[in-house]
Amino acid sequence: MCTCPSCPTWVECGEKGGFCFPAIGKSGCISEEKGCICTGCPVYEKMELKNMYYCIRGSEKEQMGM
């Protein structure tokens, strides 16, 4: 279900993705924004997310300052 590994920003380093989930949080490897496909992810729609670049900027809650 997670589309993170298909993203242009993805860096292969053993992480599994799912950075939009607060329990997972930001990537420890990804640091450069090269394009984002979060809005096309089924999780994005199902969880009614609004932001992007969860791998770098953090979860929805983090980006909203919560």
N, C-alpha and C. Protein backbone atom coordinates (compact mmCIF):
# COMPACT_ATOMS: atom_id res chain seq x y z
N MET A 1 0.82 -1.19 0.00
CA MET A 1 0.00 0.00 0.00
C MET A 1 0.87 1.27 0.00
N CYS A 2 1.99 1.25 0.67
CA CYS A 2 2.87 2.42 0.75
C CYS A 2 3.58 2.65 -0.58
N THR A 3 3.54 3.87 -1.07
CA THR A 3 4.18 4.20 -2.34
C THR A 3 5.52 4.90 -2.15
N CYS A 4 5.96 5.07 -0.92
CA CYS A 4 7.22 5.78 -0.66
C CYS A 4 8.39 5.30 -1.52
N PRO A 5 8.61 3.99 -1.66
CA PRO A 5 9.77 3.54 -2.44
C PRO A 5 9.72 3.93 -3.92
N SER A 6 8.57 4.35 -4.43
CA SER A 6 8.45 4.78 -5.83
C SER A 6 8.70 6.27 -6.00
N CYS A 7 8.88 6.98 -4.92
CA CYS A 7 9.02 8.44 -4.95
C CYS A 7 10.40 8.87 -5.45
N PRO A 8 10.47 9.97 -6.22
CA PRO A 8 11.77 10.47 -6.67
C PRO A 8 12.68 10.91 -5.52
N THR A 9 12.11 11.23 -4.39
CA THR A 9 12.88 11.66 -3.23
C THR A 9 13.45 10.48 -2.45
N TRP A 10 12.90 9.29 -2.66
CA TRP A 10 13.29 8.08 -1.92
C TRP A 10 14.79 7.82 -2.02
N VAL A 11 15.37 7.43 -0.90
CA VAL A 11 16.77 7.00 -0.84
C VAL A 11 16.76 5.60 -0.22
N GLU A 12 17.33 4.66 -0.91
CA GLU A 12 17.37 3.28 -0.41
C GLU A 12 18.41 3.18 0.70
N CYS A 13 17.93 2.89 1.90
CA CYS A 13 18.85 2.77 3.04
C CYS A 13 18.31 1.79 4.08
N GLY A 14 17.37 0.96 3.68
CA GLY A 14 16.83 -0.04 4.59
C GLY A 14 15.55 0.38 5.30
N GLU A 15 15.10 1.61 5.09
CA GLU A 15 13.84 2.05 5.69
C GLU A 15 12.68 1.50 4.86
N LYS A 16 11.53 1.39 5.47
CA LYS A 16 10.38 0.80 4.79
C LYS A 16 9.36 1.82 4.32
N GLY A 17 9.52 3.08 4.66
CA GLY A 17 8.55 4.09 4.26
C GLY A 17 7.46 4.27 5.30
N GLY A 18 6.33 4.79 4.86
CA GLY A 18 5.23 5.05 5.77
C GLY A 18 5.47 6.26 6.64
N PHE A 19 6.23 7.21 6.13
CA PHE A 19 6.63 8.37 6.91
C PHE A 19 5.46 9.27 7.30
N CYS A 20 4.32 9.09 6.67
CA CYS A 20 3.14 9.89 7.02
C CYS A 20 2.54 9.46 8.36
N PHE A 21 2.90 8.27 8.82
CA PHE A 21 2.39 7.79 10.10
C PHE A 21 3.21 8.37 11.25
N PRO A 22 2.56 8.99 12.22
CA PRO A 22 3.29 9.60 13.34
C PRO A 22 4.23 8.64 14.07
N ALA A 23 3.86 7.38 14.13
CA ALA A 23 4.69 6.40 14.83
C ALA A 23 6.00 6.12 14.09
N ILE A 24 6.04 6.41 12.80
CA ILE A 24 7.25 6.18 12.01
C ILE A 24 8.09 7.45 11.95
N GLY A 25 7.47 8.56 11.66
CA GLY A 25 8.19 9.83 11.62
C GLY A 25 9.06 10.01 10.39
N LYS A 26 9.96 10.96 10.47
CA LYS A 26 10.82 11.32 9.35
C LYS A 26 11.84 10.23 9.03
N SER A 27 12.34 10.30 7.82
CA SER A 27 13.40 9.40 7.40
C SER A 27 14.72 9.83 8.03
N GLY A 28 15.53 8.87 8.34
CA GLY A 28 16.87 9.16 8.83
C GLY A 28 17.88 9.27 7.70
N CYS A 29 17.43 9.00 6.48
CA CYS A 29 18.33 8.99 5.32
C CYS A 29 18.01 10.06 4.29
N ILE A 30 16.75 10.35 4.11
CA ILE A 30 16.32 11.28 3.06
C ILE A 30 16.48 12.71 3.55
N SER A 31 17.15 13.53 2.74
CA SER A 31 17.36 14.92 3.15
C SER A 31 17.13 15.93 2.03
N GLU A 32 16.91 15.45 0.82
CA GLU A 32 16.74 16.36 -0.32
C GLU A 32 15.40 16.11 -1.00
N GLU A 33 14.62 17.17 -1.18
CA GLU A 33 13.32 17.07 -1.85
C GLU A 33 13.53 17.05 -3.36
N LYS A 34 13.18 15.93 -3.98
CA LYS A 34 13.38 15.76 -5.42
C LYS A 34 12.07 15.52 -6.15
N GLY A 35 10.97 15.75 -5.49
CA GLY A 35 9.65 15.46 -6.04
C GLY A 35 8.89 14.63 -5.03
N CYS A 36 7.58 14.80 -4.98
CA CYS A 36 6.78 14.12 -3.97
C CYS A 36 5.54 13.48 -4.61
N ILE A 37 5.30 12.23 -4.26
CA ILE A 37 4.12 11.53 -4.78
C ILE A 37 3.13 11.20 -3.66
N CYS A 38 3.30 11.84 -2.51
CA CYS A 38 2.41 11.57 -1.37
C CYS A 38 0.93 11.70 -1.73
N THR A 39 0.59 12.70 -2.51
CA THR A 39 -0.82 12.95 -2.82
C THR A 39 -1.45 11.83 -3.64
N GLY A 40 -0.65 11.00 -4.27
CA GLY A 40 -1.16 9.87 -5.05
C GLY A 40 -1.21 8.57 -4.27
N CYS A 41 -0.80 8.60 -3.03
CA CYS A 41 -0.76 7.40 -2.19
C CYS A 41 -2.15 7.09 -1.64
N PRO A 42 -2.56 5.82 -1.64
CA PRO A 42 -3.88 5.48 -1.08
C PRO A 42 -3.99 5.82 0.41
N VAL A 43 -2.89 5.80 1.12
CA VAL A 43 -2.91 6.15 2.55
C VAL A 43 -3.22 7.65 2.71
N TYR A 44 -2.68 8.46 1.83
CA TYR A 44 -2.90 9.91 1.85
C TYR A 44 -4.40 10.21 1.80
N GLU A 45 -5.07 9.57 0.86
CA GLU A 45 -6.51 9.78 0.71
C GLU A 45 -7.29 9.18 1.88
N LYS A 46 -6.94 7.98 2.26
CA LYS A 46 -7.67 7.28 3.32
C LYS A 46 -7.57 8.03 4.66
N MET A 47 -6.40 8.60 4.94
CA MET A 47 -6.19 9.32 6.20
C MET A 47 -6.52 10.81 6.09
N GLU A 48 -6.99 11.22 4.90
CA GLU A 48 -7.34 12.61 4.63
C GLU A 48 -6.20 13.57 4.98
N LEU A 49 -5.01 13.22 4.50
CA LEU A 49 -3.83 14.03 4.75
C LEU A 49 -3.84 15.27 3.87
N LYS A 50 -3.10 16.29 4.27
CA LYS A 50 -3.10 17.56 3.55
C LYS A 50 -1.70 18.02 3.13
N ASN A 51 -0.66 17.49 3.74
CA ASN A 51 0.70 17.96 3.49
C ASN A 51 1.46 17.03 2.55
N MET A 52 2.74 17.30 2.40
CA MET A 52 3.61 16.51 1.53
C MET A 52 4.98 16.37 2.18
N TYR A 53 5.83 15.60 1.55
CA TYR A 53 7.21 15.38 2.00
C TYR A 53 7.28 14.94 3.46
N TYR A 54 6.47 13.97 3.81
CA TYR A 54 6.47 13.45 5.18
C TYR A 54 7.83 12.85 5.54
N CYS A 55 8.53 12.35 4.56
CA CYS A 55 9.84 11.74 4.80
C CYS A 55 10.85 12.75 5.33
N ILE A 56 10.70 14.00 4.96
CA ILE A 56 11.64 15.05 5.37
C ILE A 56 11.03 15.99 6.41
N ARG A 57 9.79 16.35 6.20
CA ARG A 57 9.13 17.36 7.04
C ARG A 57 8.40 16.80 8.25
N GLY A 58 8.21 15.48 8.27
CA GLY A 58 7.53 14.85 9.40
C GLY A 58 6.08 14.55 9.12
N SER A 59 5.44 13.95 10.09
CA SER A 59 4.04 13.53 9.95
C SER A 59 3.11 14.72 9.80
N GLU A 60 1.87 14.44 9.51
CA GLU A 60 0.85 15.48 9.38
C GLU A 60 0.81 16.34 10.65
N LYS A 61 0.82 15.68 11.79
CA LYS A 61 0.78 16.40 13.07
C LYS A 61 2.01 17.29 13.25
N GLU A 62 3.17 16.77 12.91
CA GLU A 62 4.40 17.56 13.03
C GLU A 62 4.34 18.79 12.14
N GLN A 63 3.87 18.61 10.91
CA GLN A 63 3.81 19.73 9.97
C GLN A 63 2.76 20.76 10.37
N MET A 64 1.79 20.34 11.15
CA MET A 64 0.76 21.27 11.62
C MET A 64 1.13 21.89 12.97
N GLY A 65 2.31 21.53 13.47
CA GLY A 65 2.78 22.09 14.73
C GLY A 65 2.15 21.48 15.96
N MET A 66 1.67 20.26 15.83
CA MET A 66 1.01 19.59 16.97
C MET A 66 1.98 18.68 17.69
